Amino acid sequence: MTWFAIFTKPTQERAAARDLGRIAVKAFYPHVKVRRNRKKRGVTIVEWVERPYYPRYVFANTCLGNIWGINEMASVITVVSFNGTPIAIPDPVMALLAAGANEKGLMGARDEVTRKRFEAAETVRFDPGSPLACLVGRIVEDDGSRDVKVLLTMMGSEREVKAPATALQSLAA
């Protein structure tokens, strides 16, 4: 038995893994759970969804004779090949691809829900270890991403800068 990469139709990774199981082929579908915000009728809903770790790919452990039947599945575009010959994935490489996955292929979870750390117009100070150490500014925008927009007054003019949220301390009492 050898591992092969299967190129699937868009968003059909889970279906391809299920279809492989129906023909008694061992499948590996690596995926992650993602926590995200979704708008529904103007209301923000926080939900967990499944996303493929390697989008549009699943892996099949089978013999070369079964490969051509896999190409006929509705969820599959093709078995990854070179010059018409399916490319076998060596076991050590497959072990690296599967590193960190549980028996169902779950590779972990990530949180994409934005979390604001500062309010607009909040006064903040840069940490002593940052390049702008001890300067004081006002928050322009914190959208929950890594960087925050800060308004600084320097040498008689105001400048908007982006700074890592971790480099800022709130001065709110």
Protein backbone atom coordinates (compact mmCIF):
# COMPACT_ATOMS: atom_id res chain seq x y z
CA MET A 1 0.00 0.00 0.00
CA THR A 2 1.23 3.46 -0.95
CA TRP A 3 0.07 7.00 -0.22
CA PHE A 4 -1.10 9.23 -3.06
CA ALA A 5 -2.30 12.86 -3.10
CA ILE A 6 -5.82 13.37 -4.42
CA PHE A 7 -6.72 16.78 -5.92
CA THR A 8 -10.37 17.49 -5.15
CA LYS A 9 -13.00 19.85 -6.46
CA PRO A 10 -13.31 23.07 -4.44
CA THR A 11 -14.69 22.48 -0.91
CA GLN A 12 -15.04 18.74 -1.58
CA GLU A 13 -12.21 17.44 0.62
CA ARG A 14 -14.50 15.85 3.22
CA ALA A 15 -16.71 14.32 0.51
CA ALA A 16 -13.65 12.88 -1.23
CA ALA A 17 -12.44 11.30 2.01
CA ARG A 18 -15.91 9.84 2.59
CA ASP A 19 -16.07 8.54 -1.01
CA LEU A 20 -12.65 6.90 -0.62
CA GLY A 21 -13.87 5.13 2.51
CA ARG A 22 -16.86 3.77 0.58
CA ILE A 23 -14.53 1.91 -1.78
CA ALA A 24 -12.42 0.62 1.15
CA VAL A 25 -9.48 2.97 0.57
CA LYS A 26 -7.88 4.46 3.68
CA ALA A 27 -8.12 8.24 3.48
CA PHE A 28 -6.41 11.01 5.40
CA TYR A 29 -8.29 14.32 5.41
CA PRO A 30 -6.30 16.85 7.47
CA HIS A 31 -8.45 19.70 8.77
CA VAL A 32 -8.66 22.37 11.48
CA LYS A 33 -11.55 23.77 13.49
CA VAL A 34 -11.89 27.53 13.08
CA ARG A 35 -13.84 29.86 15.33
CA ARG A 36 -15.22 32.73 13.26
CA ASN A 37 -17.80 35.50 13.18
CA ARG A 38 -20.66 35.28 10.70
CA LYS A 39 -23.38 37.82 10.03
CA LYS A 40 -26.92 36.47 9.86
CA ARG A 41 -29.74 38.96 9.39
CA GLY A 42 -27.57 41.74 10.81
CA VAL A 43 -26.63 39.75 13.92
CA THR A 44 -23.09 38.52 14.48
CA ILE A 45 -22.94 34.82 15.27
CA VAL A 46 -19.80 33.12 16.56
CA GLU A 47 -19.43 29.60 15.21
CA TRP A 48 -16.91 26.79 14.82
CA VAL A 49 -16.39 25.53 11.26
CA GLU A 50 -14.17 22.90 9.71
CA ARG A 51 -11.54 24.01 7.19
CA PRO A 52 -9.09 21.83 5.25
CA TYR A 53 -5.49 22.05 6.38
CA TYR A 54 -4.32 21.44 2.81
CA PRO A 55 -7.11 22.99 0.70
CA ARG A 56 -8.28 20.79 -2.19
CA TYR A 57 -6.15 17.79 -1.15
CA VAL A 58 -6.82 14.52 0.62
CA PHE A 59 -4.49 11.56 0.77
CA ALA A 60 -5.28 7.95 -0.13
CA ASN A 61 -3.42 4.84 1.01
CA THR A 62 -4.00 2.25 -1.70
CA CYS A 63 -2.30 0.15 -4.34
CA LEU A 64 -1.60 1.52 -7.81
CA GLY A 65 -4.32 -0.67 -9.36
CA ASN A 66 -7.09 1.19 -7.48
CA ILE A 67 -5.94 4.68 -8.52
CA TRP A 68 -7.89 4.95 -11.76
CA GLY A 69 -11.23 4.33 -10.03
CA ILE A 70 -10.50 7.26 -7.71
CA ASN A 71 -10.35 9.61 -10.71
CA GLU A 72 -13.98 8.72 -11.49
CA MET A 73 -15.36 9.98 -8.16
CA ALA A 74 -17.65 13.02 -8.31
CA SER A 75 -15.67 14.91 -5.63
CA VAL A 76 -12.24 14.26 -7.21
CA ILE A 77 -10.53 16.05 -10.07
CA THR A 78 -7.49 13.78 -10.32
CA VAL A 79 -4.82 11.80 -8.56
CA VAL A 80 -1.67 13.93 -8.55
CA SER A 81 0.47 12.59 -11.39
CA PHE A 82 3.50 13.36 -13.50
CA ASN A 83 3.46 12.41 -17.21
CA GLY A 84 0.37 10.29 -16.56
CA THR A 85 1.95 8.31 -13.71
CA PRO A 86 0.53 8.80 -10.19
CA ILE A 87 3.17 10.09 -7.78
CA ALA A 88 3.63 7.96 -4.67
CA ILE A 89 4.23 9.83 -1.42
CA PRO A 90 7.06 8.22 0.59
CA ASP A 91 6.10 7.17 4.13
CA PRO A 92 8.50 9.63 5.84
CA VAL A 93 7.00 12.52 3.84
CA MET A 94 3.48 11.37 4.69
CA ALA A 95 4.47 11.22 8.36
CA LEU A 96 5.52 14.89 8.14
CA LEU A 97 2.26 15.85 6.41
CA ALA A 98 0.26 14.11 9.13
CA ALA A 99 2.35 15.37 12.06
CA GLY A 100 0.12 16.75 14.77
CA ALA A 101 -3.11 15.21 13.51
CA ASN A 102 -5.35 12.98 15.60
CA GLU A 103 -6.81 9.71 14.27
CA LYS A 104 -9.63 11.63 12.51
CA GLY A 105 -7.25 14.09 10.82
CA LEU A 106 -7.91 17.04 13.13
CA MET A 107 -4.77 19.19 13.10
CA GLY A 108 -5.91 21.63 15.80
CA ALA A 109 -8.00 24.76 16.13
CA ARG A 110 -7.59 28.45 15.55
CA ASP A 111 -9.61 31.44 16.65
CA GLU A 112 -10.40 34.08 14.02
CA VAL A 113 -12.87 36.00 16.17
CA THR A 114 -11.71 39.59 16.41
CA ARG A 115 -11.10 40.83 19.89
CA LYS A 116 -10.72 44.53 20.45
CA ARG A 117 -8.24 45.43 23.12
CA PHE A 118 -8.67 49.21 23.06
CA GLU A 119 -11.55 51.61 22.50
CA ALA A 120 -11.39 54.48 20.01
CA ALA A 121 -9.85 57.64 21.55
CA GLU A 122 -8.43 55.64 24.49
CA THR A 123 -5.09 57.00 25.72
CA VAL A 124 -2.19 54.54 25.51
CA ARG A 125 1.56 54.50 26.18
CA PHE A 126 4.16 52.55 24.26
CA ASP A 127 6.04 49.92 26.27
CA PRO A 128 9.59 50.78 27.39
CA GLY A 129 11.03 48.08 25.10
CA SER A 130 9.36 49.35 21.91
CA PRO A 131 10.99 51.77 19.41
CA LEU A 132 8.51 54.47 20.44
CA ALA A 133 9.13 53.82 24.14
CA CYS A 134 7.11 55.90 26.60
CA LEU A 135 5.34 58.01 23.95
CA VAL A 136 1.66 58.62 24.62
CA GLY A 137 -1.02 58.53 21.94
CA ARG A 138 -4.72 57.98 21.28
CA ILE A 139 -6.28 54.91 19.68
CA VAL A 140 -7.71 55.60 16.24
CA GLU A 141 -8.82 52.03 15.49
CA ASP A 142 -8.47 48.55 16.96
CA ASP A 143 -10.11 46.03 14.65
CA GLY A 144 -8.79 43.01 16.55
CA SER A 145 -5.93 42.34 14.14
CA ARG A 146 -2.29 42.30 15.21
CA ASP A 147 -1.73 46.02 14.66
CA VAL A 148 -3.59 48.98 16.13
CA LYS A 149 -3.81 52.48 14.63
CA VAL A 150 -2.51 55.10 17.08
CA LEU A 151 -2.50 58.89 16.73
CA LEU A 152 0.73 60.44 18.04
CA THR A 153 1.54 64.11 18.53
CA MET A 154 5.19 64.62 17.66
CA MET A 155 7.11 67.82 16.95
CA GLY A 156 3.97 69.90 16.65
CA SER A 157 2.03 67.65 14.27
CA GLU A 158 -0.18 64.60 14.55
CA ARG A 159 0.81 61.35 12.86
CA GLU A 160 -1.14 58.13 12.56
CA VAL A 161 1.01 55.04 13.04
CA LYS A 162 0.34 51.32 13.14
CA ALA A 163 1.77 49.53 16.13
CA PRO A 164 1.55 46.00 17.50
CA ALA A 165 -1.13 45.87 20.19
CA THR A 166 1.36 44.06 22.43
CA ALA A 167 3.56 47.19 22.46
CA LEU A 168 0.81 49.34 24.02
CA GLN A 169 -0.45 49.88 27.56
CA SER A 170 -3.75 51.51 28.40
CA LEU A 171 -3.57 54.60 30.60
CA ALA A 172 -7.24 54.32 31.59
CA ALA A 173 -7.51 54.54 35.36
